[in-house]
PDB file of N, CA and C in Angstrom:
ATOM      1  N   UNK A   1       0.856  -1.164   0.000  1.00  0.00           N
ATOM      2  CA  UNK A   1       0.000   0.000   0.000  1.00  0.00           C
ATOM      3  C   UNK A   1       0.906   1.232   0.000  1.00  0.00           C
ATOM      4  N   UNK A   2       0.580   2.167  -0.862  1.00  0.00           N
ATOM      5  CA  UNK A   2       1.395   3.369  -0.971  1.00  0.00           C
ATOM      6  C   UNK A   2       1.037   4.352   0.146  1.00  0.00           C
ATOM      7  N   UNK A   3       1.871   5.346   0.287  1.00  0.00           N
ATOM      8  CA  UNK A   3       1.666   6.376   1.301  1.00  0.00           C
ATOM      9  C   UNK A   3       0.340   7.084   1.044  1.00  0.00           C
ATOM     10  N   UNK A   4       0.027   7.347  -0.210  1.00  0.00           N
ATOM     11  CA  UNK A   4      -1.210   8.048  -0.550  1.00  0.00           C
ATOM     12  C   UNK A   4      -2.411   7.167  -0.221  1.00  0.00           C
ATOM     13  N   UNK A   5      -2.314   5.875  -0.542  1.00  0.00           N
ATOM     14  CA  UNK A   5      -3.416   4.966  -0.230  1.00  0.00           C
ATOM     15  C   UNK A   5      -3.610   4.853   1.279  1.00  0.00           C
ATOM     16  N   UNK A   6      -2.531   4.786   2.006  1.00  0.00           N
ATOM     17  CA  UNK A   6      -2.595   4.718   3.466  1.00  0.00           C
ATOM     18  C   UNK A   6      -3.229   5.995   4.032  1.00  0.00           C
ATOM     19  N   UNK A   7      -2.825   7.143   3.531  1.00  0.00           N
ATOM     20  CA  UNK A   7      -3.392   8.416   3.986  1.00  0.00           C
ATOM     21  C   UNK A   7      -4.872   8.491   3.623  1.00  0.00           C
ATOM     22  N   UNK A   8      -5.231   7.999   2.433  1.00  0.00           N
ATOM     23  CA  UNK A   8      -6.633   8.010   2.012  1.00  0.00           C
ATOM     24  C   UNK A   8      -7.464   7.108   2.916  1.00  0.00           C
ATOM     25  N   UNK A   9      -6.924   5.973   3.303  1.00  0.00           N
ATOM     26  CA  UNK A   9      -7.626   5.055   4.201  1.00  0.00           C
ATOM     27  C   UNK A   9      -7.821   5.706   5.567  1.00  0.00           C
ATOM     28  N   UNK A  10      -6.777   6.343   6.090  1.00  0.00           N
ATOM     29  CA  UNK A  10      -6.898   7.036   7.379  1.00  0.00           C
ATOM     30  C   UNK A  10      -7.912   8.175   7.298  1.00  0.00           C
ATOM     31  N   UNK A  11      -7.869   8.925   6.189  1.00  0.00           N
ATOM     32  CA  UNK A  11      -8.821  10.017   5.991  1.00  0.00           C
ATOM     33  C   UNK A  11     -10.242   9.476   5.937  1.00  0.00           C
ATOM     34  N   UNK A  12     -10.440   8.362   5.237  1.00  0.00           N
ATOM     35  CA  UNK A  12     -11.770   7.754   5.134  1.00  0.00           C
ATOM     36  C   UNK A  12     -12.270   7.313   6.513  1.00  0.00           C
ATOM     37  N   UNK A  13     -11.402   6.719   7.307  1.00  0.00           N
ATOM     38  CA  UNK A  13     -11.790   6.296   8.658  1.00  0.00           C
ATOM     39  C   UNK A  13     -12.107   7.518   9.536  1.00  0.00           C
ATOM     40  N   UNK A  14     -11.304   8.561   9.426  1.00  0.00           N
ATOM     41  CA  UNK A  14     -11.529   9.779  10.216  1.00  0.00           C
ATOM     42  C   UNK A  14     -12.853  10.423   9.818  1.00  0.00           C
ATOM     43  N   UNK A  15     -13.138  10.447   8.511  1.00  0.00           N
ATOM     44  CA  UNK A  15     -14.404  11.011   8.050  1.00  0.00           C
ATOM     45  C   UNK A  15     -15.588  10.179   8.551  1.00  0.00           C
ATOM     46  N   UNK A  16     -15.434   8.876   8.580  1.00  0.00           N
ATOM     47  CA  UNK A  16     -16.498   8.002   9.094  1.00  0.00           C
ATOM     48  C   UNK A  16     -16.751   8.285  10.572  1.00  0.00           C
ATOM     49  N   UNK A  17     -15.663   8.422  11.353  1.00  0.00           N
ATOM     50  CA  UNK A  17     -15.828   8.743  12.773  1.00  0.00           C
ATOM     51  C   UNK A  17     -16.486  10.112  12.948  1.00  0.00           C
ATOM     52  N   UNK A  18     -16.084  11.084  12.123  1.00  0.00           N
ATOM     53  CA  UNK A  18     -16.673  12.417  12.188  1.00  0.00           C
ATOM     54  C   UNK A  18     -18.159  12.365  11.845  1.00  0.00           C
ATOM     55  N   UNK A  19     -18.518  11.633  10.811  1.00  0.00           N
ATOM     56  CA  UNK A  19     -19.929  11.493  10.445  1.00  0.00           C
ATOM     57  C   UNK A  19     -20.718  10.864  11.581  1.00  0.00           C
ATOM     58  N   UNK A  20     -20.142   9.863  12.220  1.00  0.00           N
ATOM     59  CA  UNK A  20     -20.803   9.220  13.357  1.00  0.00           C
ATOM     60  C   UNK A  20     -20.999  10.180  14.514  1.00  0.00           C
ATOM     61  N   UNK A  21     -19.964  10.967  14.789  1.00  0.00           N
ATOM     62  CA  UNK A  21     -20.056  11.926  15.892  1.00  0.00           C
ATOM     63  C   UNK A  21     -21.096  12.997  15.582  1.00  0.00           C
ATOM     64  N   UNK A  22     -21.104  13.500  14.373  1.00  0.00           N
ATOM     65  CA  UNK A  22     -22.078  14.522  13.983  1.00  0.00           C
ATOM     66  C   UNK A  22     -23.484  13.943  14.019  1.00  0.00           C
ATOM     67  N   UNK A  23     -23.633  12.724  13.510  1.00  0.00           N
ATOM     68  CA  UNK A  23     -24.940  12.064  13.552  1.00  0.00           C
ATOM     69  C   UNK A  23     -25.416  11.879  14.977  1.00  0.00           C
ATOM     70  N   UNK A  24     -24.522  11.464  15.853  1.00  0.00           N
ATOM     71  CA  UNK A  24     -24.867  11.296  17.268  1.00  0.00           C
ATOM     72  C   UNK A  24     -25.263  12.631  17.887  1.00  0.00           C
ATOM     73  N   UNK A  25     -24.552  13.691  17.517  1.00  0.00           N
ATOM     74  CA  UNK A  25     -24.868  15.024  18.027  1.00  0.00           C
ATOM     75  C   UNK A  25     -26.265  15.450  17.587  1.00  0.00           C
ATOM     76  N   UNK A  26     -26.598  15.204  16.325  1.00  0.00           N
ATOM     77  CA  UNK A  26     -27.938  15.540  15.838  1.00  0.00           C
ATOM     78  C   UNK A  26     -29.012  14.730  16.559  1.00  0.00           C
ATOM     79  N   UNK A  27     -28.733  13.467  16.833  1.00  0.00           N
ATOM     80  CA  UNK A  27     -29.709  12.633  17.542  1.00  0.00           C
ATOM     81  C   UNK A  27     -29.927  13.177  18.950  1.00  0.00           C
ATOM     82  N   UNK A  28     -28.854  13.537  19.626  1.00  0.00           N
ATOM     83  CA  UNK A  28     -28.972  14.062  20.993  1.00  0.00           C
ATOM     84  C   UNK A  28     -29.635  15.423  21.034  1.00  0.00           C
ATOM     85  N   UNK A  29     -29.340  16.269  20.061  1.00  0.00           N
ATOM     86  CA  UNK A  29     -29.894  17.619  20.088  1.00  0.00           C
ATOM     87  C   UNK A  29     -31.306  17.667  19.530  1.00  0.00           C
ATOM     88  N   UNK A  30     -31.695  16.711  18.750  1.00  0.00           N
ATOM     89  CA  UNK A  30     -33.039  16.686  18.201  1.00  0.00           C
ATOM     90  C   UNK A  30     -33.161  17.532  16.952  1.00  0.00           C
ATOM     91  N   UNK A  31     -34.388  17.672  16.508  1.00  0.00           N
ATOM     92  CA  UNK A  31     -34.692  18.425  15.305  1.00  0.00           C
ATOM     93  C   UNK A  31     -34.544  19.919  15.587  1.00  0.00           C
ATOM     94  N   UNK A  32     -33.687  20.619  14.837  1.00  0.00           N
ATOM     95  CA  UNK A  32     -33.476  22.044  15.097  1.00  0.00           C
ATOM     96  C   UNK A  32     -34.764  22.871  15.008  1.00  0.00           C
ATOM     97  N   UNK A  33     -35.652  22.505  14.102  1.00  0.00           N
ATOM     98  CA  UNK A  33     -36.919  23.237  13.967  1.00  0.00           C
ATOM     99  C   UNK A  33     -37.743  23.064  15.235  1.00  0.00           C
ATOM    100  N   UNK A  34     -37.811  21.831  15.731  1.00  0.00           N
ATOM    101  CA  UNK A  34     -38.558  21.575  16.965  1.00  0.00           C
ATOM    102  C   UNK A  34     -37.912  22.272  18.151  1.00  0.00           C
ATOM    103  N   UNK A  35     -36.587  22.273  18.196  1.00  0.00           N
ATOM    104  CA  UNK A  35     -35.890  22.949  19.293  1.00  0.00           C
ATOM    105  C   UNK A  35     -36.192  24.443  19.289  1.00  0.00           C
ATOM    106  N   UNK A  36     -36.215  25.056  18.098  1.00  0.00           N
ATOM    107  CA  UNK A  36     -36.542  26.487  18.017  1.00  0.00           C
ATOM    108  C   UNK A  36     -37.978  26.735  18.461  1.00  0.00           C
ATOM    109  N   UNK A  37     -38.892  25.837  18.079  1.00  0.00           N
ATOM    110  CA  UNK A  37     -40.293  25.981  18.491  1.00  0.00           C
ATOM    111  C   UNK A  37     -40.427  25.856  20.002  1.00  0.00           C
ATOM    112  N   UNK A  38     -39.738  24.885  20.581  1.00  0.00           N
ATOM    113  CA  UNK A  38     -39.779  24.699  22.035  1.00  0.00           C
ATOM    114  C   UNK A  38     -39.182  25.910  22.747  1.00  0.00           C
ATOM    115  N   UNK A  39     -38.085  26.429  22.211  1.00  0.00           N
ATOM    116  CA  UNK A  39     -37.459  27.608  22.811  1.00  0.00           C
ATOM    117  C   UNK A  39     -38.403  28.804  22.747  1.00  0.00           C
ATOM    118  N   UNK A  40     -39.062  28.991  21.610  1.00  0.00           N
ATOM    119  CA  UNK A  40     -40.011  30.099  21.472  1.00  0.00           C
ATOM    120  C   UNK A  40     -41.157  29.945  22.465  1.00  0.00           C
ATOM    121  N   UNK A  41     -41.655  28.715  22.635  1.00  0.00           N
ATOM    122  CA  UNK A  41     -42.741  28.466  23.589  1.00  0.00           C
ATOM    123  C   UNK A  41     -42.280  28.746  25.015  1.00  0.00           C
ATOM    124  N   UNK A  42     -41.060  28.341  25.345  1.00  0.00           N
ATOM    125  CA  UNK A  42     -40.539  28.601  26.689  1.00  0.00           C
ATOM    126  C   UNK A  42     -40.348  30.095  26.926  1.00  0.00           C
ATOM    127  N   UNK A  43     -39.919  30.822  25.912  1.00  0.00           N
ATOM    128  CA  UNK A  43     -39.737  32.267  26.060  1.00  0.00           C
ATOM    129  C   UNK A  43     -41.091  32.956  26.244  1.00  0.00           C
ATOM    130  N   UNK A  44     -42.115  32.488  25.515  1.00  0.00           N
ATOM    131  CA  UNK A  44     -43.459  33.040  25.698  1.00  0.00           C
ATOM    132  C   UNK A  44     -43.968  32.753  27.107  1.00  0.00           C
ATOM    133  N   UNK A  45     -43.765  31.525  27.575  1.00  0.00           N
ATOM    134  CA  UNK A  45     -44.169  31.157  28.940  1.00  0.00           C
ATOM    135  C   UNK A  45     -43.456  32.028  29.963  1.00  0.00           C
ATOM    136  N   UNK A  46     -42.166  32.236  29.758  1.00  0.00           N
ATOM    137  CA  UNK A  46     -41.393  33.053  30.694  1.00  0.00           C
ATOM    138  C   UNK A  46     -41.922  34.481  30.728  1.00  0.00           C
ATOM    139  N   UNK A  47     -42.223  35.033  29.567  1.00  0.00           N
ATOM    140  CA  UNK A  47     -42.750  36.395  29.511  1.00  0.00           C
ATOM    141  C   UNK A  47     -44.110  36.479  30.204  1.00  0.00           C
ATOM    142  N   UNK A  48     -44.952  35.476  29.973  1.00  0.00           N
ATOM    143  CA  UNK A  48     -46.274  35.445  30.608  1.00  0.00           C
ATOM    144  C   UNK A  48     -46.132  35.321  32.119  1.00  0.00           C
ATOM    145  N   UNK A  49     -45.256  34.441  32.568  1.00  0.00           N
ATOM    146  CA  UNK A  49     -45.048  34.255  34.004  1.00  0.00           C
ATOM    147  C   UNK A  49     -44.446  35.501  34.657  1.00  0.00           C
ATOM    148  N   UNK A  50     -43.549  36.176  33.962  1.00  0.00           N
ATOM    149  CA  UNK A  50     -42.971  37.411  34.496  1.00  0.00           C
ATOM    150  C   UNK A  50     -44.049  38.478  34.641  1.00  0.00           C
ATOM    151  N   UNK A  51     -44.943  38.552  33.668  1.00  0.00           N
ATOM    152  CA  UNK A  51     -46.041  39.517  33.749  1.00  0.00           C
ATOM    153  C   UNK A  51     -46.972  39.183  34.919  1.00  0.00           C
ATOM    154  N   UNK A  52     -47.282  37.903  35.075  1.00  0.00           N
ATOM    155  CA  UNK A  52     -48.137  37.487  36.191  1.00  0.00           C
ATOM    156  C   UNK A  52     -47.468  37.781  37.530  1.00  0.00           C
ATOM    157  N   UNK A  53     -46.171  37.570  37.603  1.00  0.00           N
ATOM    158  CA  UNK A  53     -45.439  37.857  38.835  1.00  0.00           C
ATOM    159  C   UNK A  53     -45.488  39.348  39.154  1.00  0.00           C
ATOM    160  N   UNK A  54     -45.279  40.180  38.144  1.00  0.00           N
ATOM    161  CA  UNK A  54     -45.362  41.627  38.358  1.00  0.00           C
ATOM    162  C   UNK A  54     -46.745  42.029  38.852  1.00  0.00           C
ATOM    163  N   UNK A  55     -47.785  41.455  38.243  1.00  0.00           N
ATOM    164  CA  UNK A  55     -49.154  41.757  38.665  1.00  0.00           C
ATOM    165  C   UNK A  55     -49.396  41.294  40.101  1.00  0.00           C
ATOM    166  N   UNK A  56     -48.894  40.122  40.439  1.00  0.00           N
ATOM    167  CA  UNK A  56     -49.063  39.596  41.797  1.00  0.00           C
ATOM    168  C   UNK A  56     -48.345  40.459  42.823  1.00  0.00           C
ATOM    169  N   UNK A  57     -47.149  40.909  42.489  1.00  0.00           N
ATOM    170  CA  UNK A  57     -46.401  41.763  43.410  1.00  0.00           C
ATOM    171  C   UNK A  57     -47.108  43.104  43.606  1.00  0.00           C
ATOM    172  N   UNK A  58     -47.676  43.648  42.525  1.00  0.00           N
ATOM    173  CA  UNK A  58     -48.419  44.904  42.649  1.00  0.00           C
ATOM    174  C   UNK A  58     -49.660  44.696  43.515  1.00  0.00           C
ATOM    175  N   UNK A  59     -50.355  43.577  43.319  1.00  0.00           N
ATOM    176  CA  UNK A  59     -51.545  43.277  44.122  1.00  0.00           C
ATOM    177  C   UNK A  59     -51.162  43.069  45.583  1.00  0.00           C
ATOM    178  N   UNK A  60     -50.034  42.405  45.826  1.00  0.00           N
ATOM    179  CA  UNK A  60     -49.572  42.211  47.202  1.00  0.00           C
ATOM    180  C   UNK A  60     -49.325  43.557  47.879  1.00  0.00           C
ATOM    181  N   UNK A  61     -48.728  44.491  47.142  1.00  0.00           N
ATOM    182  CA  UNK A  61     -48.457  45.815  47.697  1.00  0.00           C
ATOM    183  C   UNK A  61     -49.770  46.533  48.041  1.00  0.00           C
ATOM    184  N   UNK A  62     -50.757  46.421  47.135  1.00  0.00           N
ATOM    185  CA  UNK A  62     -52.073  47.030  47.401  1.00  0.00           C
ATOM    186  C   UNK A  62     -52.713  46.420  48.643  1.00  0.00           C
ATOM    187  N   UNK A  63     -52.650  45.095  48.738  1.00  0.00           N
ATOM    188  CA  UNK A  63     -53.253  44.415  49.888  1.00  0.00           C
ATOM    189  C   UNK A  63     -52.541  44.781  51.187  1.00  0.00           C
ATOM    190  N   UNK A  64     -51.227  44.935  51.131  1.00  0.00           N
ATOM    191  CA  UNK A  64     -50.485  45.314  52.333  1.00  0.00           C
ATOM    192  C   UNK A  64     -50.883  46.715  52.780  1.00  0.00           C
ATOM    193  N   UNK A  65     -51.057  47.618  51.812  1.00  0.00           N
ATOM    194  CA  UNK A  65     -51.494  48.982  52.139  1.00  0.00           C
ATOM    195  C   UNK A  65     -52.871  48.951  52.794  1.00  0.00           C
ATOM    196  N   UNK A  66     -53.780  48.158  52.223  1.00  0.00           N
ATOM    197  CA  UNK A  66     -55.125  48.035  52.806  1.00  0.00           C
ATOM    198  C   UNK A  66     -55.071  47.421  54.197  1.00  0.00           C
ATOM    199  N   UNK A  67     -54.219  46.420  54.385  1.00  0.00           N
ATOM    200  CA  UNK A  67     -54.085  45.785  55.697  1.00  0.00           C
ATOM    201  C   UNK A  67     -53.542  46.777  56.722  1.00  0.00           C
ATOM    202  N   UNK A  68     -52.578  47.593  56.306  1.00  0.00           N
ATOM    203  CA  UNK A  68     -52.032  48.612  57.213  1.00  0.00           C
ATOM    204  C   UNK A  68     -53.107  49.620  57.606  1.00  0.00           C
ATOM    205  N   UNK A  69     -53.908  50.055  56.623  1.00  0.00           N
ATOM    206  CA  UNK A  69     -54.988  51.003  56.910  1.00  0.00           C
ATOM    207  C   UNK A  69     -56.030  50.382  57.842  1.00  0.00           C
ATOM    208  N   UNK A  70     -56.383  49.115  57.607  1.00  0.00           N
ATOM    209  CA  UNK A  70     -57.353  48.431  58.460  1.00  0.00           C
ATOM    210  C   UNK A  70     -56.818  48.282  59.875  1.00  0.00           C
ATOM    211  N   UNK A  71     -55.529  47.979  59.992  1.00  0.00           N
ATOM    212  CA  UNK A  71     -54.915  47.834  61.305  1.00  0.00           C
ATOM    213  C   UNK A  71     -54.948  49.158  62.073  1.00  0.00           C
ATOM    214  N   UNK A  72     -54.662  50.247  61.381  1.00  0.00           N
ATOM    215  CA  UNK A  72     -54.718  51.559  62.024  1.00  0.00           C
ATOM    216  C   UNK A  72     -56.142  51.892  62.462  1.00  0.00           C
ATOM    217  N   UNK A  73     -57.114  51.611  61.594  1.00  0.00           N
ATOM    218  CA  UNK A  73     -58.516  51.887  61.925  1.00  0.00           C
ATOM    219  C   UNK A  73     -58.960  51.039  63.110  1.00  0.00           C
ATOM    220  N   UNK A  74     -58.552  49.775  63.130  1.00  0.00           N
ATOM    221  CA  UNK A  74     -58.903  48.889  64.235  1.00  0.00           C
ATOM    222  C   UNK A  74     -58.259  49.380  65.534  1.00  0.00           C
ATOM    223  N   UNK A  75     -57.006  49.791  65.449  1.00  0.00           N
ATOM    224  CA  UNK A  75     -56.319  50.330  66.633  1.00  0.00           C
ATOM    225  C   UNK A  75     -57.026  51.569  67.163  1.00  0.00           C
ATOM    226  N   UNK A  76     -57.470  52.452  66.265  1.00  0.00           N
ATOM    227  CA  UNK A  76     -58.197  53.655  66.686  1.00  0.00           C
ATOM    228  C   UNK A  76     -59.532  53.278  67.319  1.00  0.00           C
ATOM    229  N   UNK A  77     -60.229  52.303  66.743  1.00  0.00           N
ATOM    230  CA  UNK A  77     -61.517  51.873  67.296  1.00  0.00           C
ATOM    231  C   UNK A  77     -61.335  51.268  68.687  1.00  0.00           C
ATOM    232  N   UNK A  78     -60.301  50.469  68.859  1.00  0.00           N
ATOM    233  CA  UNK A  78     -60.018  49.869  70.170  1.00  0.00           C
ATOM    234  C   UNK A  78     -59.731  50.962  71.191  1.00  0.00           C
ATOM    235  N   UNK A  79     -58.978  51.966  70.793  1.00  0.00           N
ATOM    236  CA  UNK A  79     -58.666  53.079  71.705  1.00  0.00           C
ATOM    237  C   UNK A  79     -59.930  53.823  72.099  1.00  0.00           C
ATOM    238  N   UNK A  80     -60.833  54.033  71.145  1.00  0.00           N
ATOM    239  CA  UNK A  80     -62.100  54.718  71.441  1.00  0.00           C
ATOM    240  C   UNK A  80     -62.964  53.894  72.393  1.00  0.00           C
ATOM    241  N   UNK A  81     -63.019  52.581  72.167  1.00  0.00           N
ATOM    242  CA  UNK A  81     -63.805  51.714  73.051  1.00  0.00           C
ATOM    243  C   UNK A  81     -63.216  51.743  74.453  1.00  0.00           C
ATOM    244  N   UNK A  82     -61.912  51.659  74.560  1.00  0.00           N
ATOM    245  CA  UNK A  82     -61.277  51.703  75.883  1.00  0.00           C
ATOM    246  C   UNK A  82     -61.552  53.042  76.576  1.00  0.00           C
ATOM    247  N   UNK A  83     -61.471  54.102  75.797  1.00  0.00           N
ATOM    248  CA  UNK A  83     -61.735  55.430  76.362  1.00  0.00           C
ATOM    249  C   UNK A  83     -63.192  55.520  76.827  1.00  0.00           C
ATOM    250  N   UNK A  84     -64.100  55.000  76.036  1.00  0.00           N
ATOM    251  CA  UNK A  84     -65.522  55.040  76.420  1.00  0.00           C
ATOM    252  C   UNK A  84     -65.766  54.183  77.661  1.00  0.00           C
ATOM    253  N   UNK A  85     -65.133  53.038  77.749  1.00  0.00           N
ATOM    254  CA  UNK A  85     -65.294  52.180  78.910  1.00  0.00           C
ATOM    255  C   UNK A  85     -64.691  52.840  80.148  1.00  0.00           C
ATOM    256  N   UNK A  86     -63.605  53.540  79.948  1.00  0.00           N
ATOM    257  CA  UNK A  86     -62.972  54.252  81.062  1.00  0.00           C
ATOM    258  C   UNK A  86     -63.862  55.368  81.583  1.00  0.00           C
ATOM    259  N   UNK A  87     -64.547  56.051  80.694  1.00  0.00           N
ATOM    260  CA  UNK A  87     -65.446  57.131  81.097  1.00  0.00           C
ATOM    261  C   UNK A  87     -66.662  56.574  81.828  1.00  0.00           C
ATOM    262  N   UNK A  88     -67.137  55.411  81.381  1.00  0.00           N
ATOM    263  CA  UNK A  88     -68.305  54.805  82.049  1.00  0.00           C
ATOM    264  C   UNK A  88     -67.933  54.378  83.470  1.00  0.00           C
ATOM    265  N   UNK A  89     -66.719  53.925  83.642  1.00  0.00           N
ATOM    266  CA  UNK A  89     -66.286  53.503  84.974  1.00  0.00           C
ATOM    267  C   UNK A  89     -66.114  54.689  85.914  1.00  0.00           C
ATOM    268  N   UNK A  90     -65.930  55.895  85.385  1.00  0.00           N
ATOM    269  CA  UNK A  90     -65.739  57.092  86.194  1.00  0.00           C
ATOM    270  C   UNK A  90     -67.075  57.735  86.585  1.00  0.00           C
ATOM    271  N   UNK A  91     -68.125  57.401  85.882  1.00  0.00           N
ATOM    272  CA  UNK A  91     -69.412  58.050  86.143  1.00  0.00           C
ATOM    273  C   UNK A  91     -70.075  57.555  87.370  1.00  0.00           C
TER     274      UNK A  91
END
């Protein structure tokens, strides 16, 4: 076998291994079109979830403000009741 034939045989074997590796890579990675579709769907889901999270955080802030106002009103009402009870005890 000549040097050229030997080199051609090695090149052919290397190309076969490369084809196998590339084929294996495609099998593991899946269909590129499907991968792009899945990625687009995940990005849409992420955007939707981020929007829902922002809305939930804004609603939480509103509810906390209302809870603080209710707590203050309840505290004032309790103080008034105590004051009224104190006045009744003095009469």
